[in-house]
Amino acid sequence: MNEYLFDIKLFASIRIKAESEAEARATILDHLDCACVNAGAWPNGDPILFEASARGNFNLIEINGEPTCHALPNSAFVVW
């Protein structure tokens, strides 16, 4: 059996508590630098494990549960 490695871009919504937006962004970047992620299990029961990193700028879609101008109405998806 062969093993394949793919470089895949994934989208995630992450909630974080911080004193400021700048602190929240810095904390996300610090902790999502090759972070180990468990995404459940493959059909055979083996865990889906991978490393993830945040890169570049990312959109702020809520502050204290209130949508910002980057959020779509009634949605967790970001306007790109």
PDB file of N, CA and C in Angstrom:
ATOM      1  N   MET A   1       0.852  -1.174   0.000  1.00  0.00           N
ATOM      2  CA  MET A   1       0.000   0.000   0.000  1.00  0.00           C
ATOM      3  C   MET A   1       0.895   1.235   0.000  1.00  0.00           C
ATOM      4  N   ASN A   2       0.529   2.246  -0.765  1.00  0.00           N
ATOM      5  CA  ASN A   2       1.265   3.508  -0.851  1.00  0.00           C
ATOM      6  C   ASN A   2       0.734   4.506   0.165  1.00  0.00           C
ATOM      7  N   GLU A   3       1.583   5.447   0.547  1.00  0.00           N
ATOM      8  CA  GLU A   3       1.179   6.551   1.414  1.00  0.00           C
ATOM      9  C   GLU A   3       1.383   7.844   0.643  1.00  0.00           C
ATOM     10  N   TYR A   4       0.368   8.719   0.652  1.00  0.00           N
ATOM     11  CA  TYR A   4       0.407   9.972  -0.098  1.00  0.00           C
ATOM     12  C   TYR A   4       0.332  11.145   0.867  1.00  0.00           C
ATOM     13  N   LEU A   5       1.091  12.198   0.602  1.00  0.00           N
ATOM     14  CA  LEU A   5       1.059  13.427   1.387  1.00  0.00           C
ATOM     15  C   LEU A   5       0.506  14.532   0.506  1.00  0.00           C
ATOM     16  N   PHE A   6      -0.559  15.181   0.956  1.00  0.00           N
ATOM     17  CA  PHE A   6      -1.179  16.291   0.229  1.00  0.00           C
ATOM     18  C   PHE A   6      -1.057  17.560   1.053  1.00  0.00           C
ATOM     19  N   ASP A   7      -0.797  18.681   0.395  1.00  0.00           N
ATOM     20  CA  ASP A   7      -0.827  19.994   1.020  1.00  0.00           C
ATOM     21  C   ASP A   7      -2.187  20.591   0.701  1.00  0.00           C
ATOM     22  N   ILE A   8      -3.061  20.697   1.703  1.00  0.00           N
ATOM     23  CA  ILE A   8      -4.456  21.105   1.507  1.00  0.00           C
ATOM     24  C   ILE A   8      -4.728  22.367   2.318  1.00  0.00           C
ATOM     25  N   LYS A   9      -5.388  23.336   1.708  1.00  0.00           N
ATOM     26  CA  LYS A   9      -5.796  24.534   2.432  1.00  0.00           C
ATOM     27  C   LYS A   9      -7.195  24.288   3.008  1.00  0.00           C
ATOM     28  N   LEU A  10      -7.323  24.474   4.309  1.00  0.00           N
ATOM     29  CA  LEU A  10      -8.592  24.287   5.008  1.00  0.00           C
ATOM     30  C   LEU A  10      -9.051  25.620   5.575  1.00  0.00           C
ATOM     31  N   PHE A  11     -10.346  25.777   5.770  1.00  0.00           N
ATOM     32  CA  PHE A  11     -10.886  26.973   6.394  1.00  0.00           C
ATOM     33  C   PHE A  11     -11.439  26.595   7.761  1.00  0.00           C
ATOM     34  N   ALA A  12     -11.215  27.436   8.746  1.00  0.00           N
ATOM     35  CA  ALA A  12     -11.680  27.176  10.104  1.00  0.00           C
ATOM     36  C   ALA A  12     -12.181  28.475  10.729  1.00  0.00           C
ATOM     37  N   SER A  13     -13.134  28.340  11.636  1.00  0.00           N
ATOM     38  CA  SER A  13     -13.580  29.466  12.462  1.00  0.00           C
ATOM     39  C   SER A  13     -13.127  29.175  13.880  1.00  0.00           C
ATOM     40  N   ILE A  14     -12.377  30.090  14.470  1.00  0.00           N
ATOM     41  CA  ILE A  14     -11.796  29.880  15.789  1.00  0.00           C
ATOM     42  C   ILE A  14     -12.228  31.013  16.707  1.00  0.00           C
ATOM     43  N   ARG A  15     -12.794  30.662  17.868  1.00  0.00           N
ATOM     44  CA  ARG A  15     -13.143  31.657  18.887  1.00  0.00           C
ATOM     45  C   ARG A  15     -12.006  31.710  19.903  1.00  0.00           C
ATOM     46  N   ILE A  16     -11.654  32.921  20.326  1.00  0.00           N
ATOM     47  CA  ILE A  16     -10.589  33.098  21.310  1.00  0.00           C
ATOM     48  C   ILE A  16     -10.920  34.308  22.169  1.00  0.00           C
ATOM     49  N   LYS A  17     -10.644  34.217  23.463  1.00  0.00           N
ATOM     50  CA  LYS A  17     -10.830  35.352  24.369  1.00  0.00           C
ATOM     51  C   LYS A  17      -9.484  36.036  24.560  1.00  0.00           C
ATOM     52  N   ALA A  18      -9.469  37.359  24.407  1.00  0.00           N
ATOM     53  CA  ALA A  18      -8.245  38.149  24.547  1.00  0.00           C
ATOM     54  C   ALA A  18      -8.627  39.578  24.900  1.00  0.00           C
ATOM     55  N   GLU A  19      -7.651  40.334  25.362  1.00  0.00           N
ATOM     56  CA  GLU A  19      -7.881  41.736  25.717  1.00  0.00           C
ATOM     57  C   GLU A  19      -8.067  42.626  24.501  1.00  0.00           C
ATOM     58  N   SER A  20      -7.499  42.218  23.355  1.00  0.00           N
ATOM     59  CA  SER A  20      -7.602  43.035  22.149  1.00  0.00           C
ATOM     60  C   SER A  20      -7.578  42.132  20.918  1.00  0.00           C
ATOM     61  N   GLU A  21      -7.995  42.709  19.795  1.00  0.00           N
ATOM     62  CA  GLU A  21      -7.936  41.968  18.529  1.00  0.00           C
ATOM     63  C   GLU A  21      -6.487  41.609  18.197  1.00  0.00           C
ATOM     64  N   ALA A  22      -5.566  42.534  18.432  1.00  0.00           N
ATOM     65  CA  ALA A  22      -4.149  42.278  18.138  1.00  0.00           C
ATOM     66  C   ALA A  22      -3.617  41.113  18.970  1.00  0.00           C
ATOM     67  N   GLU A  23      -3.995  41.073  20.247  1.00  0.00           N
ATOM     68  CA  GLU A  23      -3.561  39.961  21.111  1.00  0.00           C
ATOM     69  C   GLU A  23      -4.164  38.645  20.632  1.00  0.00           C
ATOM     70  N   ALA A  24      -5.433  38.668  20.231  1.00  0.00           N
ATOM     71  CA  ALA A  24      -6.088  37.457  19.735  1.00  0.00           C
ATOM     72  C   ALA A  24      -5.398  36.946  18.479  1.00  0.00           C
ATOM     73  N   ARG A  25      -5.118  37.833  17.543  1.00  0.00           N
ATOM     74  CA  ARG A  25      -4.432  37.428  16.303  1.00  0.00           C
ATOM     75  C   ARG A  25      -3.046  36.851  16.598  1.00  0.00           C
ATOM     76  N   ALA A  26      -2.294  37.501  17.475  1.00  0.00           N
ATOM     77  CA  ALA A  26      -0.952  37.025  17.813  1.00  0.00           C
ATOM     78  C   ALA A  26      -1.004  35.649  18.474  1.00  0.00           C
ATOM     79  N   THR A  27      -1.971  35.451  19.360  1.00  0.00           N
ATOM     80  CA  THR A  27      -2.100  34.158  20.038  1.00  0.00           C
ATOM     81  C   THR A  27      -2.446  33.060  19.049  1.00  0.00           C
ATOM     82  N   ILE A  28      -3.358  33.342  18.120  1.00  0.00           N
ATOM     83  CA  ILE A  28      -3.711  32.352  17.095  1.00  0.00           C
ATOM     84  C   ILE A  28      -2.480  31.992  16.277  1.00  0.00           C
ATOM     85  N   LEU A  29      -1.746  32.992  15.812  1.00  0.00           N
ATOM     86  CA  LEU A  29      -0.558  32.727  15.002  1.00  0.00           C
ATOM     87  C   LEU A  29       0.491  31.938  15.777  1.00  0.00           C
ATOM     88  N   ASP A  30       0.670  32.260  17.059  1.00  0.00           N
ATOM     89  CA  ASP A  30       1.645  31.547  17.883  1.00  0.00           C
ATOM     90  C   ASP A  30       1.275  30.082  18.071  1.00  0.00           C
ATOM     91  N   HIS A  31      -0.004  29.817  18.294  1.00  0.00           N
ATOM     92  CA  HIS A  31      -0.436  28.461  18.630  1.00  0.00           C
ATOM     93  C   HIS A  31      -0.825  27.622  17.424  1.00  0.00           C
ATOM     94  N   LEU A  32      -1.010  28.254  16.284  1.00  0.00           N
ATOM     95  CA  LEU A  32      -1.310  27.487  15.071  1.00  0.00           C
ATOM     96  C   LEU A  32      -0.110  27.485  14.128  1.00  0.00           C
ATOM     97  N   ASP A  33       1.046  27.336  14.679  1.00  0.00           N
ATOM     98  CA  ASP A  33       2.261  27.181  13.895  1.00  0.00           C
ATOM     99  C   ASP A  33       2.651  25.708  13.983  1.00  0.00           C
ATOM    100  N   CYS A  34       2.216  24.922  13.009  1.00  0.00           N
ATOM    101  CA  CYS A  34       2.400  23.456  13.010  1.00  0.00           C
ATOM    102  C   CYS A  34       1.695  22.805  14.187  1.00  0.00           C
ATOM    103  N   ALA A  35       0.473  23.259  14.483  1.00  0.00           N
ATOM    104  CA  ALA A  35      -0.321  22.667  15.561  1.00  0.00           C
ATOM    105  C   ALA A  35      -0.772  21.266  15.165  1.00  0.00           C
ATOM    106  N   CYS A  36      -0.782  20.349  16.106  1.00  0.00           N
ATOM    107  CA  CYS A  36      -1.260  18.981  15.861  1.00  0.00           C
ATOM    108  C   CYS A  36      -2.781  18.972  15.948  1.00  0.00           C
ATOM    109  N   VAL A  37      -3.435  18.459  14.915  1.00  0.00           N
ATOM    110  CA  VAL A  37      -4.892  18.463  14.831  1.00  0.00           C
ATOM    111  C   VAL A  37      -5.404  17.030  14.669  1.00  0.00           C
ATOM    112  N   ASN A  38      -6.472  16.691  15.391  1.00  0.00           N
ATOM    113  CA  ASN A  38      -7.158  15.419  15.245  1.00  0.00           C
ATOM    114  C   ASN A  38      -8.525  15.721  14.643  1.00  0.00           C
ATOM    115  N   ALA A  39      -8.772  15.246  13.428  1.00  0.00           N
ATOM    116  CA  ALA A  39     -10.015  15.546  12.710  1.00  0.00           C
ATOM    117  C   ALA A  39     -10.958  14.345  12.659  1.00  0.00           C
ATOM    118  N   GLY A  40     -10.939  13.527  13.679  1.00  0.00           N
ATOM    119  CA  GLY A  40     -11.834  12.378  13.702  1.00  0.00           C
ATOM    120  C   GLY A  40     -11.133  11.114  13.256  1.00  0.00           C
ATOM    121  N   ALA A  41     -11.868  10.256  12.523  1.00  0.00           N
ATOM    122  CA  ALA A  41     -11.309   8.957  12.134  1.00  0.00           C
ATOM    123  C   ALA A  41     -11.612   8.624  10.684  1.00  0.00           C
ATOM    124  N   TRP A  42     -10.656   7.913  10.071  1.00  0.00           N
ATOM    125  CA  TRP A  42     -10.846   7.367   8.733  1.00  0.00           C
ATOM    126  C   TRP A  42     -11.850   6.211   8.819  1.00  0.00           C
ATOM    127  N   PRO A  43     -12.400   5.761   7.684  1.00  0.00           N
ATOM    128  CA  PRO A  43     -13.364   4.654   7.715  1.00  0.00           C
ATOM    129  C   PRO A  43     -12.854   3.393   8.438  1.00  0.00           C
ATOM    130  N   ASN A  44     -11.531   3.174   8.434  1.00  0.00           N
ATOM    131  CA  ASN A  44     -10.997   1.986   9.112  1.00  0.00           C
ATOM    132  C   ASN A  44     -10.773   2.213  10.603  1.00  0.00           C
ATOM    133  N   GLY A  45     -11.085   3.403  11.113  1.00  0.00           N
ATOM    134  CA  GLY A  45     -10.946   3.701  12.527  1.00  0.00           C
ATOM    135  C   GLY A  45      -9.662   4.409  12.904  1.00  0.00           C
ATOM    136  N   ASP A  46      -8.678   4.461  11.998  1.00  0.00           N
ATOM    137  CA  ASP A  46      -7.437   5.183  12.289  1.00  0.00           C
ATOM    138  C   ASP A  46      -7.735   6.672  12.425  1.00  0.00           C
ATOM    139  N   PRO A  47      -7.037   7.362  13.337  1.00  0.00           N
ATOM    140  CA  PRO A  47      -7.287   8.797  13.497  1.00  0.00           C
ATOM    141  C   PRO A  47      -6.799   9.602  12.298  1.00  0.00           C
ATOM    142  N   ILE A  48      -7.520  10.675  11.991  1.00  0.00           N
ATOM    143  CA  ILE A  48      -7.096  11.628  10.958  1.00  0.00           C
ATOM    144  C   ILE A  48      -6.275  12.690  11.674  1.00  0.00           C
ATOM    145  N   LEU A  49      -4.962  12.581  11.579  1.00  0.00           N
ATOM    146  CA  LEU A  49      -4.051  13.489  12.259  1.00  0.00           C
ATOM    147  C   LEU A  49      -3.288  14.315  11.243  1.00  0.00           C
ATOM    148  N   PHE A  50      -3.106  15.607  11.529  1.00  0.00           N
ATOM    149  CA  PHE A  50      -2.315  16.453  10.642  1.00  0.00           C
ATOM    150  C   PHE A  50      -1.808  17.662  11.401  1.00  0.00           C
ATOM    151  N   GLU A  51      -0.868  18.364  10.797  1.00  0.00           N
ATOM    152  CA  GLU A  51      -0.362  19.615  11.347  1.00  0.00           C
ATOM    153  C   GLU A  51      -0.998  20.772  10.588  1.00  0.00           C
ATOM    154  N   ALA A  52      -1.321  21.840  11.308  1.00  0.00           N
ATOM    155  CA  ALA A  52      -1.945  23.009  10.689  1.00  0.00           C
ATOM    156  C   ALA A  52      -1.229  24.273  11.138  1.00  0.00           C
ATOM    157  N   SER A  53      -1.138  25.237  10.230  1.00  0.00           N
ATOM    158  CA  SER A  53      -0.547  26.538  10.522  1.00  0.00           C
ATOM    159  C   SER A  53      -1.444  27.633   9.958  1.00  0.00           C
ATOM    160  N   ALA A  54      -1.542  28.744  10.684  1.00  0.00           N
ATOM    161  CA  ALA A  54      -2.257  29.921  10.190  1.00  0.00           C
ATOM    162  C   ALA A  54      -1.241  30.798   9.478  1.00  0.00           C
ATOM    163  N   ARG A  55      -1.635  31.305   8.308  1.00  0.00           N
ATOM    164  CA  ARG A  55      -0.739  32.180   7.527  1.00  0.00           C
ATOM    165  C   ARG A  55      -1.496  33.417   7.073  1.00  0.00           C
ATOM    166  N   GLY A  56      -0.756  34.494   6.918  1.00  0.00           N
ATOM    167  CA  GLY A  56      -1.330  35.707   6.350  1.00  0.00           C
ATOM    168  C   GLY A  56      -2.368  36.349   7.242  1.00  0.00           C
ATOM    169  N   ASN A  57      -3.183  37.165   6.624  1.00  0.00           N
ATOM    170  CA  ASN A  57      -4.230  37.878   7.338  1.00  0.00           C
ATOM    171  C   ASN A  57      -5.493  37.032   7.346  1.00  0.00           C
ATOM    172  N   PHE A  58      -6.271  37.110   8.406  1.00  0.00           N
ATOM    173  CA  PHE A  58      -7.545  36.408   8.453  1.00  0.00           C
ATOM    174  C   PHE A  58      -8.621  37.367   8.931  1.00  0.00           C
ATOM    175  N   ASN A  59      -9.847  37.142   8.462  1.00  0.00           N
ATOM    176  CA  ASN A  59     -10.951  38.072   8.713  1.00  0.00           C
ATOM    177  C   ASN A  59     -11.559  37.878  10.094  1.00  0.00           C
ATOM    178  N   LEU A  60     -11.819  38.979  10.767  1.00  0.00           N
ATOM    179  CA  LEU A  60     -12.552  38.984  12.029  1.00  0.00           C
ATOM    180  C   LEU A  60     -14.038  39.020  11.682  1.00  0.00           C
ATOM    181  N   ILE A  61     -14.798  37.994  12.117  1.00  0.00           N
ATOM    182  CA  ILE A  61     -16.214  37.944  11.737  1.00  0.00           C
ATOM    183  C   ILE A  61     -17.175  38.225  12.890  1.00  0.00           C
ATOM    184  N   GLU A  62     -16.688  38.158  14.156  1.00  0.00           N
ATOM    185  CA  GLU A  62     -17.527  38.480  15.311  1.00  0.00           C
ATOM    186  C   GLU A  62     -16.682  39.087  16.418  1.00  0.00           C
ATOM    187  N   ILE A  63     -17.303  39.958  17.200  1.00  0.00           N
ATOM    188  CA  ILE A  63     -16.737  40.447  18.458  1.00  0.00           C
ATOM    189  C   ILE A  63     -17.832  40.309  19.498  1.00  0.00           C
ATOM    190  N   ASN A  64     -17.567  39.525  20.549  1.00  0.00           N
ATOM    191  CA  ASN A  64     -18.554  39.271  21.606  1.00  0.00           C
ATOM    192  C   ASN A  64     -19.891  38.798  21.044  1.00  0.00           C
ATOM    193  N   GLY A  65     -19.849  37.957  20.020  1.00  0.00           N
ATOM    194  CA  GLY A  65     -21.060  37.390  19.438  1.00  0.00           C
ATOM    195  C   GLY A  65     -21.765  38.279  18.427  1.00  0.00           C
ATOM    196  N   GLU A  66     -21.261  39.483  18.208  1.00  0.00           N
ATOM    197  CA  GLU A  66     -21.880  40.404  17.251  1.00  0.00           C
ATOM    198  C   GLU A  66     -21.102  40.373  15.937  1.00  0.00           C
ATOM    199  N   PRO A  67     -21.796  40.162  14.801  1.00  0.00           N
ATOM    200  CA  PRO A  67     -21.115  40.106  13.507  1.00  0.00           C
ATOM    201  C   PRO A  67     -20.406  41.418  13.176  1.00  0.00           C
ATOM    202  N   THR A  68     -19.272  41.308  12.510  1.00  0.00           N
ATOM    203  CA  THR A  68     -18.555  42.475  12.009  1.00  0.00           C
ATOM    204  C   THR A  68     -18.908  42.645  10.534  1.00  0.00           C
ATOM    205  N   CYS A  69     -18.334  43.636   9.894  1.00  0.00           N
ATOM    206  CA  CYS A  69     -18.632  43.898   8.492  1.00  0.00           C
ATOM    207  C   CYS A  69     -18.124  42.784   7.571  1.00  0.00           C
ATOM    208  N   HIS A  70     -17.267  41.875   8.058  1.00  0.00           N
ATOM    209  CA  HIS A  70     -16.743  40.786   7.225  1.00  0.00           C
ATOM    210  C   HIS A  70     -17.627  39.546   7.246  1.00  0.00           C
ATOM    211  N   ALA A  71     -18.660  39.513   8.080  1.00  0.00           N
ATOM    212  CA  ALA A  71     -19.511  38.333   8.199  1.00  0.00           C
ATOM    213  C   ALA A  71     -20.722  38.442   7.288  1.00  0.00           C
ATOM    214  N   LEU A  72     -21.138  37.307   6.733  1.00  0.00           N
ATOM    215  CA  LEU A  72     -22.383  37.246   5.982  1.00  0.00           C
ATOM    216  C   LEU A  72     -23.547  37.148   6.954  1.00  0.00           C
ATOM    217  N   PRO A  73     -24.710  37.721   6.652  1.00  0.00           N
ATOM    218  CA  PRO A  73     -25.850  37.624   7.557  1.00  0.00           C
ATOM    219  C   PRO A  73     -26.225  36.165   7.816  1.00  0.00           C
ATOM    220  N   ASN A  74     -26.477  35.831   9.096  1.00  0.00           N
ATOM    221  CA  ASN A  74     -26.925  34.495   9.510  1.00  0.00           C
ATOM    222  C   ASN A  74     -25.970  33.389   9.058  1.00  0.00           C
ATOM    223  N   SER A  75     -24.689  33.656   9.056  1.00  0.00           N
ATOM    224  CA  SER A  75     -23.742  32.661   8.576  1.00  0.00           C
ATOM    225  C   SER A  75     -22.428  32.777   9.320  1.00  0.00           C
ATOM    226  N   ALA A  76     -21.728  31.652   9.429  1.00  0.00           N
ATOM    227  CA  ALA A  76     -20.395  31.641  10.032  1.00  0.00           C
ATOM    228  C   ALA A  76     -19.324  31.778   8.965  1.00  0.00           C
ATOM    229  N   PHE A  77     -19.713  31.897   7.711  1.00  0.00           N
ATOM    230  CA  PHE A  77     -18.720  31.963   6.628  1.00  0.00           C
ATOM    231  C   PHE A  77     -18.216  33.386   6.441  1.00  0.00           C
ATOM    232  N   VAL A  78     -17.002  33.485   6.031  1.00  0.00           N
ATOM    233  CA  VAL A  78     -16.328  34.769   5.868  1.00  0.00           C
ATOM    234  C   VAL A  78     -16.431  35.240   4.426  1.00  0.00           C
ATOM    235  N   VAL A  79     -16.574  36.537   4.232  1.00  0.00           N
ATOM    236  CA  VAL A  79     -16.563  37.116   2.903  1.00  0.00           C
ATOM    237  C   VAL A  79     -15.102  37.251   2.465  1.00  0.00           C
ATOM    238  N   TRP A  80     -14.705  36.623   1.383  1.00  0.00           N
ATOM    239  CA  TRP A  80     -13.329  36.690   0.896  1.00  0.00           C
ATOM    240  C   TRP A  80     -13.305  37.673  -0.192  1.00  0.00           C
TER     241      TRP A  80
END
